[in-house]
PDB file of N, CA and C in Angstrom:
ATOM      1  N   MET A   1     116.815 101.917  73.351  1.00  0.00           N
ATOM      2  CA  MET A   1     118.046 101.669  74.117  1.00  0.00           C
ATOM      3  C   MET A   1     118.073 100.267  75.308  1.00  0.00           C
ATOM      4  N   LYS A   2     118.074  99.434  75.295  1.00  0.00           N
ATOM      5  CA  LYS A   2     118.260  98.764  76.025  1.00  0.00           C
ATOM      6  C   LYS A   2     118.927  99.050  77.216  1.00  0.00           C
ATOM      7  N   GLN A   3     118.481  98.907  78.207  1.00  0.00           N
ATOM      8  CA  GLN A   3     119.478  99.553  79.753  1.00  0.00           C
ATOM      9  C   GLN A   3     119.622  98.059  80.542  1.00  0.00           C
ATOM     10  N   THR A   4     120.578  98.173  81.159  1.00  0.00           N
ATOM     11  CA  THR A   4     120.883  96.899  81.988  1.00  0.00           C
ATOM     12  C   THR A   4     120.183  97.431  83.529  1.00  0.00           C
ATOM     13  N   VAL A   5     119.858  97.038  84.122  1.00  0.00           N
ATOM     14  CA  VAL A   5     119.202  97.291  84.735  1.00  0.00           C
ATOM     15  C   VAL A   5     119.598  96.548  86.453  1.00  0.00           C
ATOM     16  N   LYS A   6     120.300  96.658  87.295  1.00  0.00           N
ATOM     17  CA  LYS A   6     121.091  95.782  88.680  1.00  0.00           C
ATOM     18  C   LYS A   6     120.339  96.802  89.743  1.00  0.00           C
ATOM     19  N   LYS A   7     120.010  95.762  90.594  1.00  0.00           N
ATOM     20  CA  LYS A   7     119.202  96.228  92.015  1.00  0.00           C
ATOM     21  C   LYS A   7     120.410  95.513  92.902  1.00  0.00           C
ATOM     22  N   LEU A   8     120.039  96.366  93.736  1.00  0.00           N
ATOM     23  CA  LEU A   8     120.476  95.928  95.450  1.00  0.00           C
ATOM     24  C   LEU A   8     119.407  96.292  96.165  1.00  0.00           C
ATOM     25  N   ALA A   9     118.750  95.515  97.074  1.00  0.00           N
ATOM     26  CA  ALA A   9     117.595  96.035  98.246  1.00  0.00           C
ATOM     27  C   ALA A   9     117.972  95.300  99.363  1.00  0.00           C
ATOM     28  N   LEU A  10     117.974  96.494 100.161  1.00  0.00           N
ATOM     29  CA  LEU A  10     118.589  96.418 101.608  1.00  0.00           C
ATOM     30  C   LEU A  10     117.380  96.301 102.252  1.00  0.00           C
ATOM     31  N   VAL A  11     116.599  95.965 103.610  1.00  0.00           N
ATOM     32  CA  VAL A  11     115.763  96.302 104.752  1.00  0.00           C
ATOM     33  C   VAL A  11     116.584  96.607 106.090  1.00  0.00           C
ATOM     34  N   ALA A  12     116.058  98.034 106.008  1.00  0.00           N
ATOM     35  CA  ALA A  12     116.407  98.633 107.644  1.00  0.00           C
ATOM     36  C   ALA A  12     115.381  98.773 108.172  1.00  0.00           C
ATOM     37  N   SER A  13     115.476  98.469 109.219  1.00  0.00           N
ATOM     38  CA  SER A  13     114.622  99.216 110.120  1.00  0.00           C
ATOM     39  C   SER A  13     114.807 100.983 110.769  1.00  0.00           C
ATOM     40  N   ILE A  14     113.992 102.031 110.398  1.00  0.00           N
ATOM     41  CA  ILE A  14     113.949 103.105 110.317  1.00  0.00           C
ATOM     42  C   ILE A  14     113.693 103.600 111.457  1.00  0.00           C
ATOM     43  N   ALA A  15     114.784 104.482 112.438  1.00  0.00           N
ATOM     44  CA  ALA A  15     114.278 105.424 113.886  1.00  0.00           C
ATOM     45  C   ALA A  15     114.225 106.706 113.444  1.00  0.00           C
ATOM     46  N   ALA A  16     113.029 107.166 113.529  1.00  0.00           N
ATOM     47  CA  ALA A  16     113.019 108.861 113.126  1.00  0.00           C
ATOM     48  C   ALA A  16     111.636 108.904 114.807  1.00  0.00           C
ATOM     49  N   THR A  17     112.057 110.606 115.069  1.00  0.00           N
ATOM     50  CA  THR A  17     111.219 111.109 116.425  1.00  0.00           C
ATOM     51  C   THR A  17     110.211 111.541 115.497  1.00  0.00           C
ATOM     52  N   LEU A  18     108.880 111.288 115.685  1.00  0.00           N
ATOM     53  CA  LEU A  18     107.912 112.374 115.348  1.00  0.00           C
ATOM     54  C   LEU A  18     107.505 113.723 115.715  1.00  0.00           C
ATOM     55  N   GLY A  19     107.748 114.612 115.253  1.00  0.00           N
ATOM     56  CA  GLY A  19     107.483 116.266 115.869  1.00  0.00           C
ATOM     57  C   GLY A  19     108.147 116.451 117.025  1.00  0.00           C
ATOM     58  N   GLY A  20     109.422 115.801 117.109  1.00  0.00           N
ATOM     59  CA  GLY A  20     110.523 115.594 118.657  1.00  0.00           C
ATOM     60  C   GLY A  20     111.657 116.831 117.711  1.00  0.00           C
ATOM     61  N   SER A  21     112.677 116.810 118.772  1.00  0.00           N
ATOM     62  CA  SER A  21     113.525 117.867 118.057  1.00  0.00           C
ATOM     63  C   SER A  21     115.003 116.761 118.293  1.00  0.00           C
ATOM     64  N   VAL A  22     114.550 115.562 118.534  1.00  0.00           N
ATOM     65  CA  VAL A  22     115.756 114.542 118.540  1.00  0.00           C
ATOM     66  C   VAL A  22     115.526 113.028 117.529  1.00  0.00           C
ATOM     67  N   ALA A  23     116.194 113.055 116.804  1.00  0.00           N
ATOM     68  CA  ALA A  23     116.453 111.877 115.597  1.00  0.00           C
ATOM     69  C   ALA A  23     117.360 110.706 115.583  1.00  0.00           C
ATOM     70  N   VAL A  24     116.918 109.533 115.623  1.00  0.00           N
ATOM     71  CA  VAL A  24     117.744 108.901 115.108  1.00  0.00           C
ATOM     72  C   VAL A  24     118.590 108.659 113.934  1.00  0.00           C
ATOM     73  N   VAL A  25     119.692 108.768 113.581  1.00  0.00           N
ATOM     74  CA  VAL A  25     120.284 108.953 112.254  1.00  0.00           C
ATOM     75  C   VAL A  25     121.050 107.281 111.830  1.00  0.00           C
ATOM     76  N   SER A  26     120.352 106.660 110.804  1.00  0.00           N
ATOM     77  CA  SER A  26     121.296 105.800 110.644  1.00  0.00           C
ATOM     78  C   SER A  26     121.466 106.056 108.912  1.00  0.00           C
ATOM     79  N   ALA A  27     122.719 105.298 108.495  1.00  0.00           N
ATOM     80  CA  ALA A  27     123.351 105.758 107.079  1.00  0.00           C
ATOM     81  C   ALA A  27     124.509 105.036 106.514  1.00  0.00           C
ATOM     82  N   ALA A  28     124.397 104.156 105.426  1.00  0.00           N
ATOM     83  CA  ALA A  28     125.516 103.158 105.295  1.00  0.00           C
ATOM     84  C   ALA A  28     126.055 104.451 103.879  1.00  0.00           C
ATOM     85  N   VAL A  29     127.344 103.892 103.352  1.00  0.00           N
ATOM     86  CA  VAL A  29     127.796 104.301 101.910  1.00  0.00           C
ATOM     87  C   VAL A  29     128.410 102.776 101.810  1.00  0.00           C
ATOM     88  N   LYS A  30     128.131 103.073 100.050  1.00  0.00           N
ATOM     89  CA  LYS A  30     128.729 101.751  99.090  1.00  0.00           C
ATOM     90  C   LYS A  30     128.725 101.972  97.634  1.00  0.00           C
ATOM     91  N   TYR A  31     129.891 101.550  97.177  1.00  0.00           N
ATOM     92  CA  TYR A  31     130.616 102.037  95.952  1.00  0.00           C
ATOM     93  C   TYR A  31     129.771 100.344  95.106  1.00  0.00           C
ATOM     94  N   PRO A  32     128.782 100.696  94.623  1.00  0.00           N
ATOM     95  CA  PRO A  32     128.336  99.478  93.570  1.00  0.00           C
ATOM     96  C   PRO A  32     128.411  99.792  92.228  1.00  0.00           C
ATOM     97  N   ASP A  33     129.262  98.732  90.753  1.00  0.00           N
ATOM     98  CA  ASP A  33     128.603  98.989  90.068  1.00  0.00           C
ATOM     99  C   ASP A  33     129.554 100.521  89.829  1.00  0.00           C
ATOM    100  N   GLY A  34     130.377 100.826  90.121  1.00  0.00           N
ATOM    101  CA  GLY A  34     131.123 102.463  89.566  1.00  0.00           C
ATOM    102  C   GLY A  34     130.457 103.648  90.139  1.00  0.00           C
ATOM    103  N   GLY A  35     129.494 102.987  91.170  1.00  0.00           N
ATOM    104  CA  GLY A  35     129.125 104.660  91.643  1.00  0.00           C
ATOM    105  C   GLY A  35     129.059 104.527  92.844  1.00  0.00           C
ATOM    106  N   VAL A  36     128.298 105.496  93.860  1.00  0.00           N
ATOM    107  CA  VAL A  36     128.597 106.129  95.538  1.00  0.00           C
ATOM    108  C   VAL A  36     127.180 105.769  95.717  1.00  0.00           C
ATOM    109  N   TRP A  37     127.005 105.114  96.206  1.00  0.00           N
ATOM    110  CA  TRP A  37     125.188 105.012  96.936  1.00  0.00           C
ATOM    111  C   TRP A  37     125.252 105.064  98.192  1.00  0.00           C
ATOM    112  N   THR A  38     124.196 106.041  98.508  1.00  0.00           N
ATOM    113  CA  THR A  38     124.115 106.184  99.954  1.00  0.00           C
ATOM    114  C   THR A  38     122.609 106.330  99.961  1.00  0.00           C
ATOM    115  N   TYR A  39     122.436 105.527 101.333  1.00  0.00           N
ATOM    116  CA  TYR A  39     121.169 105.429 101.940  1.00  0.00           C
ATOM    117  C   TYR A  39     121.081 105.300 103.447  1.00  0.00           C
ATOM    118  N   GLY A  40     119.790 105.307 104.034  1.00  0.00           N
ATOM    119  CA  GLY A  40     119.426 105.620 105.626  1.00  0.00           C
ATOM    120  C   GLY A  40     118.156 106.324 105.909  1.00  0.00           C
ATOM    121  N   SER A  41     118.224 106.756 107.033  1.00  0.00           N
ATOM    122  CA  SER A  41     116.814 107.679 107.727  1.00  0.00           C
ATOM    123  C   SER A  41     117.592 108.565 108.337  1.00  0.00           C
ATOM    124  N   GLY A  42     116.480 109.029 108.437  1.00  0.00           N
ATOM    125  CA  GLY A  42     116.673 110.587 109.718  1.00  0.00           C
ATOM    126  C   GLY A  42     115.779 111.686 109.149  1.00  0.00           C
ATOM    127  N   ASP A  43     115.578 112.658 110.522  1.00  0.00           N
ATOM    128  CA  ASP A  43     114.782 113.562 109.961  1.00  0.00           C
ATOM    129  C   ASP A  43     112.814 113.111 109.721  1.00  0.00           C
ATOM    130  N   GLY A  44     112.722 112.122 110.118  1.00  0.00           N
ATOM    131  CA  GLY A  44     111.382 111.819 110.106  1.00  0.00           C
ATOM    132  C   GLY A  44     111.358 110.825 108.283  1.00  0.00           C
ATOM    133  N   GLY A  45     112.504 110.666 107.696  1.00  0.00           N
ATOM    134  CA  GLY A  45     112.366 110.152 106.503  1.00  0.00           C
ATOM    135  C   GLY A  45     113.376 109.104 106.455  1.00  0.00           C
ATOM    136  N   ALA A  46     113.482 108.563 105.022  1.00  0.00           N
ATOM    137  CA  ALA A  46     114.434 107.696 104.308  1.00  0.00           C
ATOM    138  C   ALA A  46     115.004 107.908 102.929  1.00  0.00           C
ATOM    139  N   TYR A  47     115.879 107.797 103.075  1.00  0.00           N
ATOM    140  CA  TYR A  47     116.394 107.987 101.472  1.00  0.00           C
ATOM    141  C   TYR A  47     117.020 107.225 100.859  1.00  0.00           C
ATOM    142  N   SER A  48     117.656 107.444  98.950  1.00  0.00           N
ATOM    143  CA  SER A  48     118.585 106.392  98.888  1.00  0.00           C
ATOM    144  C   SER A  48     118.793 107.283  97.460  1.00  0.00           C
ATOM    145  N   ASN A  49     120.246 107.340  97.907  1.00  0.00           N
ATOM    146  CA  ASN A  49     120.833 108.699  96.676  1.00  0.00           C
ATOM    147  C   ASN A  49     122.122 107.561  96.037  1.00  0.00           C
ATOM    148  N   TYR A  50     121.873 107.657  94.405  1.00  0.00           N
ATOM    149  CA  TYR A  50     123.248 107.229  93.897  1.00  0.00           C
ATOM    150  C   TYR A  50     123.893 108.328  93.138  1.00  0.00           C
ATOM    151  N   TYR A  51     125.222 107.750  92.726  1.00  0.00           N
ATOM    152  CA  TYR A  51     125.959 108.689  91.657  1.00  0.00           C
ATOM    153  C   TYR A  51     127.092 108.001  91.118  1.00  0.00           C
ATOM    154  N   HIS A  52     126.254 108.403  89.583  1.00  0.00           N
ATOM    155  CA  HIS A  52     127.262 107.327  88.553  1.00  0.00           C
ATOM    156  C   HIS A  52     128.070 108.261  87.854  1.00  0.00           C
ATOM    157  N   SER A  53     129.516 108.509  87.322  1.00  0.00           N
ATOM    158  CA  SER A  53     129.797 109.403  86.288  1.00  0.00           C
ATOM    159  C   SER A  53     130.040 109.379  85.465  1.00  0.00           C
ATOM    160  N   SER A  54     129.164 107.892  84.283  1.00  0.00           N
ATOM    161  CA  SER A  54     129.001 107.938  83.279  1.00  0.00           C
ATOM    162  C   SER A  54     127.950 107.144  82.919  1.00  0.00           C
ATOM    163  N   GLU A  55     127.011 106.403  83.562  1.00  0.00           N
ATOM    164  CA  GLU A  55     125.592 106.296  83.321  1.00  0.00           C
ATOM    165  C   GLU A  55     124.448 106.743  83.886  1.00  0.00           C
ATOM    166  N   TYR A  56     123.343 106.617  82.894  1.00  0.00           N
ATOM    167  CA  TYR A  56     121.989 107.122  83.616  1.00  0.00           C
ATOM    168  C   TYR A  56     121.669 106.222  84.590  1.00  0.00           C
ATOM    169  N   HIS A  57     120.953 106.673  85.482  1.00  0.00           N
ATOM    170  CA  HIS A  57     120.694 105.827  86.555  1.00  0.00           C
ATOM    171  C   HIS A  57     119.494 106.114  87.566  1.00  0.00           C
ATOM    172  N   SER A  58     119.110 105.512  88.762  1.00  0.00           N
ATOM    173  CA  SER A  58     118.055 105.782  89.487  1.00  0.00           C
ATOM    174  C   SER A  58     118.372 105.003  90.895  1.00  0.00           C
ATOM    175  N   SER A  59     117.724 106.080  91.624  1.00  0.00           N
ATOM    176  CA  SER A  59     117.417 104.993  92.799  1.00  0.00           C
ATOM    177  C   SER A  59     116.109 105.463  93.483  1.00  0.00           C
ATOM    178  N   THR A  60     115.796 104.438  94.478  1.00  0.00           N
ATOM    179  CA  THR A  60     114.466 104.750  94.919  1.00  0.00           C
ATOM    180  C   THR A  60     114.394 103.684  96.314  1.00  0.00           C
ATOM    181  N   VAL A  61     113.643 104.413  96.772  1.00  0.00           N
ATOM    182  CA  VAL A  61     113.177 103.868  98.578  1.00  0.00           C
ATOM    183  C   VAL A  61     111.888 103.417  98.781  1.00  0.00           C
ATOM    184  N   VAL A  62     111.219 102.213  99.486  1.00  0.00           N
ATOM    185  CA  VAL A  62     110.149 102.220  99.555  1.00  0.00           C
ATOM    186  C   VAL A  62     109.574 101.347 100.919  1.00  0.00           C
ATOM    187  N   SER A  63     108.550 101.992 101.379  1.00  0.00           N
ATOM    188  CA  SER A  63     108.116 101.918 102.631  1.00  0.00           C
ATOM    189  C   SER A  63     107.444 100.129 102.829  1.00  0.00           C
ATOM    190  N   ARG A  64     107.686  99.537 103.687  1.00  0.00           N
ATOM    191  CA  ARG A  64     107.498  98.155 103.697  1.00  0.00           C
ATOM    192  C   ARG A  64     106.115  98.007 104.126  1.00  0.00           C
ATOM    193  N   LYS A  65     105.648  98.800 105.029  1.00  0.00           N
ATOM    194  CA  LYS A  65     104.342  99.329 105.838  1.00  0.00           C
ATOM    195  C   LYS A  65     103.218  99.779 105.003  1.00  0.00           C
ATOM    196  N   THR A  66     103.866 100.583 103.972  1.00  0.00           N
ATOM    197  CA  THR A  66     102.545 101.734 103.399  1.00  0.00           C
ATOM    198  C   THR A  66     102.754 101.539 101.921  1.00  0.00           C
ATOM    199  N   GLY A  67     103.618 100.773 101.908  1.00  0.00           N
ATOM    200  CA  GLY A  67     103.897 100.955 100.020  1.00  0.00           C
ATOM    201  C   GLY A  67     104.663 102.413  99.156  1.00  0.00           C
ATOM    202  N   SER A  68     104.292 103.265 100.230  1.00  0.00           N
ATOM    203  CA  SER A  68     104.815 104.192  99.289  1.00  0.00           C
ATOM    204  C   SER A  68     106.391 104.601  98.810  1.00  0.00           C
ATOM    205  N   SER A  69     106.676 105.001  98.070  1.00  0.00           N
ATOM    206  CA  SER A  69     107.632 104.845  97.322  1.00  0.00           C
ATOM    207  C   SER A  69     108.092 106.506  96.680  1.00  0.00           C
ATOM    208  N   ASP A  70     109.295 106.820  96.589  1.00  0.00           N
ATOM    209  CA  ASP A  70     109.665 107.683  95.372  1.00  0.00           C
ATOM    210  C   ASP A  70     111.438 106.884  94.787  1.00  0.00           C
ATOM    211  N   LYS A  71     110.872 107.594  93.559  1.00  0.00           N
ATOM    212  CA  LYS A  71     112.132 107.252  92.403  1.00  0.00           C
ATOM    213  C   LYS A  71     112.515 108.262  92.328  1.00  0.00           C
ATOM    214  N   GLY A  72     113.973 108.419  92.144  1.00  0.00           N
ATOM    215  CA  GLY A  72     114.504 109.843  91.334  1.00  0.00           C
ATOM    216  C   GLY A  72     115.619 109.269  90.471  1.00  0.00           C
ATOM    217  N   TYR A  73     115.473 109.835  89.258  1.00  0.00           N
ATOM    218  CA  TYR A  73     116.401 109.781  88.065  1.00  0.00           C
ATOM    219  C   TYR A  73     117.930 110.789  87.513  1.00  0.00           C
ATOM    220  N   ALA A  74     119.136 110.368  87.016  1.00  0.00           N
ATOM    221  CA  ALA A  74     119.883 111.258  86.826  1.00  0.00           C
ATOM    222  C   ALA A  74     120.523 110.880  85.503  1.00  0.00           C
ATOM    223  N   ASP A  75     121.547 111.514  85.517  1.00  0.00           N
ATOM    224  CA  ASP A  75     121.932 111.436  83.666  1.00  0.00           C
ATOM    225  C   ASP A  75     123.509 111.416  84.363  1.00  0.00           C
ATOM    226  N   ALA A  76     124.254 110.573  83.525  1.00  0.00           N
ATOM    227  CA  ALA A  76     125.898 110.511  83.989  1.00  0.00           C
ATOM    228  C   ALA A  76     126.290 111.624  84.898  1.00  0.00           C
ATOM    229  N   GLU A  77     126.909 111.751  86.004  1.00  0.00           N
ATOM    230  CA  GLU A  77     127.947 112.565  86.585  1.00  0.00           C
ATOM    231  C   GLU A  77     126.711 113.508  87.544  1.00  0.00           C
ATOM    232  N   GLY A  78     125.546 113.249  87.265  1.00  0.00           N
ATOM    233  CA  GLY A  78     124.607 113.290  88.609  1.00  0.00           C
ATOM    234  C   GLY A  78     124.104 112.888  89.713  1.00  0.00           C
ATOM    235  N   THR A  79     123.241 112.858  90.465  1.00  0.00           N
ATOM    236  CA  THR A  79     122.786 112.363  91.847  1.00  0.00           C
ATOM    237  C   THR A  79     121.588 111.844  91.564  1.00  0.00           C
ATOM    238  N   SER A  80     120.956 110.818  91.590  1.00  0.00           N
ATOM    239  CA  SER A  80     119.558 110.545  91.151  1.00  0.00           C
ATOM    240  C   SER A  80     119.428 110.573  93.335  1.00  0.00           C
ATOM    241  N   ARG A  81     118.329 111.242  93.317  1.00  0.00           N
ATOM    242  CA  ARG A  81     118.041 111.355  94.757  1.00  0.00           C
ATOM    243  C   ARG A  81     116.051 110.577  95.303  1.00  0.00           C
ATOM    244  N   ALA A  82     115.942 109.782  95.886  1.00  0.00           N
ATOM    245  CA  ALA A  82     114.699 109.427  96.671  1.00  0.00           C
ATOM    246  C   ALA A  82     114.594 109.621  97.895  1.00  0.00           C
ATOM    247  N   TRP A  83     113.193 110.003  98.438  1.00  0.00           N
ATOM    248  CA  TRP A  83     113.232 110.528  99.729  1.00  0.00           C
ATOM    249  C   TRP A  83     111.364 109.889 100.281  1.00  0.00           C
ATOM    250  N   ILE A  84     111.311 109.366 101.250  1.00  0.00           N
ATOM    251  CA  ILE A  84     109.801 109.187 101.895  1.00  0.00           C
ATOM    252  C   ILE A  84     109.873 109.564 103.416  1.00  0.00           C
ATOM    253  N   ARG A  85     108.786 110.003 103.843  1.00  0.00           N
ATOM    254  CA  ARG A  85     108.706 109.978 104.804  1.00  0.00           C
ATOM    255  C   ARG A  85     108.196 108.759 105.581  1.00  0.00           C
ATOM    256  N   THR A  86     108.639 108.505 106.773  1.00  0.00           N
ATOM    257  CA  THR A  86     108.575 107.254 107.680  1.00  0.00           C
ATOM    258  C   THR A  86     108.506 107.782 108.805  1.00  0.00           C
ATOM    259  N   SER A  87     107.890 106.509 109.541  1.00  0.00           N
ATOM    260  CA  SER A  87     107.323 106.692 110.942  1.00  0.00           C
ATOM    261  C   SER A  87     108.314 105.779 111.742  1.00  0.00           C
ATOM    262  N   TRP A  88     108.399 106.340 113.296  1.00  0.00           N
ATOM    263  CA  TRP A  88     109.412 105.201 114.126  1.00  0.00           C
ATOM    264  C   TRP A  88     109.227 103.927 113.616  1.00  0.00           C
ATOM    265  N   GLY A  89     110.051 103.234 113.851  1.00  0.00           N
ATOM    266  CA  GLY A  89     110.516 101.680 113.610  1.00  0.00           C
ATOM    267  C   GLY A  89     110.188 101.211 112.182  1.00  0.00           C
ATOM    268  N   GLU A  90     109.372 102.212 110.979  1.00  0.00           N
ATOM    269  CA  GLU A  90     108.926 101.582 110.281  1.00  0.00           C
ATOM    270  C   GLU A  90     110.078 100.587 109.366  1.00  0.00           C
ATOM    271  N   LYS A  91     110.100  99.719 108.338  1.00  0.00           N
ATOM    272  CA  LYS A  91     110.993  99.255 107.847  1.00  0.00           C
ATOM    273  C   LYS A  91     110.597  99.260 106.217  1.00  0.00           C
ATOM    274  N   VAL A  92     111.506 100.132 105.435  1.00  0.00           N
ATOM    275  CA  VAL A  92     111.767 100.564 104.239  1.00  0.00           C
ATOM    276  C   VAL A  92     112.977  99.693 103.521  1.00  0.00           C
ATOM    277  N   ALA A  93     112.593  99.417 101.822  1.00  0.00           N
ATOM    278  CA  ALA A  93     113.913  98.897 101.180  1.00  0.00           C
ATOM    279  C   ALA A  93     114.687 100.343 100.332  1.00  0.00           C
ATOM    280  N   PHE A  94     115.928  99.936 100.365  1.00  0.00           N
ATOM    281  CA  PHE A  94     116.697 101.143  99.432  1.00  0.00           C
ATOM    282  C   PHE A  94     116.829 100.573  98.123  1.00  0.00           C
ATOM    283  N   TYR A  95     116.912 100.955  96.854  1.00  0.00           N
ATOM    284  CA  TYR A  95     117.217 100.139  95.933  1.00  0.00           C
ATOM    285  C   TYR A  95     118.287 101.093  94.922  1.00  0.00           C
ATOM    286  N   TYR A  96     119.504 100.971  94.490  1.00  0.00           N
ATOM    287  CA  TYR A  96     119.847 101.734  93.119  1.00  0.00           C
ATOM    288  C   TYR A  96     119.814 101.212  92.025  1.00  0.00           C
ATOM    289  N   ASN A  97     119.791 101.733  90.664  1.00  0.00           N
ATOM    290  CA  ASN A  97     119.908 100.774  89.214  1.00  0.00           C
ATOM    291  C   ASN A  97     120.751 101.980  88.290  1.00  0.00           C
ATOM    292  N   VAL A  98     121.359 101.094  87.403  1.00  0.00           N
ATOM    293  CA  VAL A  98     122.289 101.558  86.658  1.00  0.00           C
ATOM    294  C   VAL A  98     122.045 101.114  85.272  1.00  0.00           C
TER     295      VAL A  98
END
């Protein structure tokens, strides 16, 4: 089955405290391609989650510093979830695919 892949990449500066009780949280919500995409940082990491009601889909988060990444997949009516640990000020890229 041929799958059309659509991507939207954003680069953000991640702010999270290592080992402390205070964290700076950054989050965004968008509604691309008929789904709901949430992405951001907090609790020492960065995440990209995408929900779509009728399509198989995925979400990805990639560290611009280390290259580490995570990718989650989900069937229609499910949420794909991706998360990586990050350090203070680390830049990451967020993606979703339908």
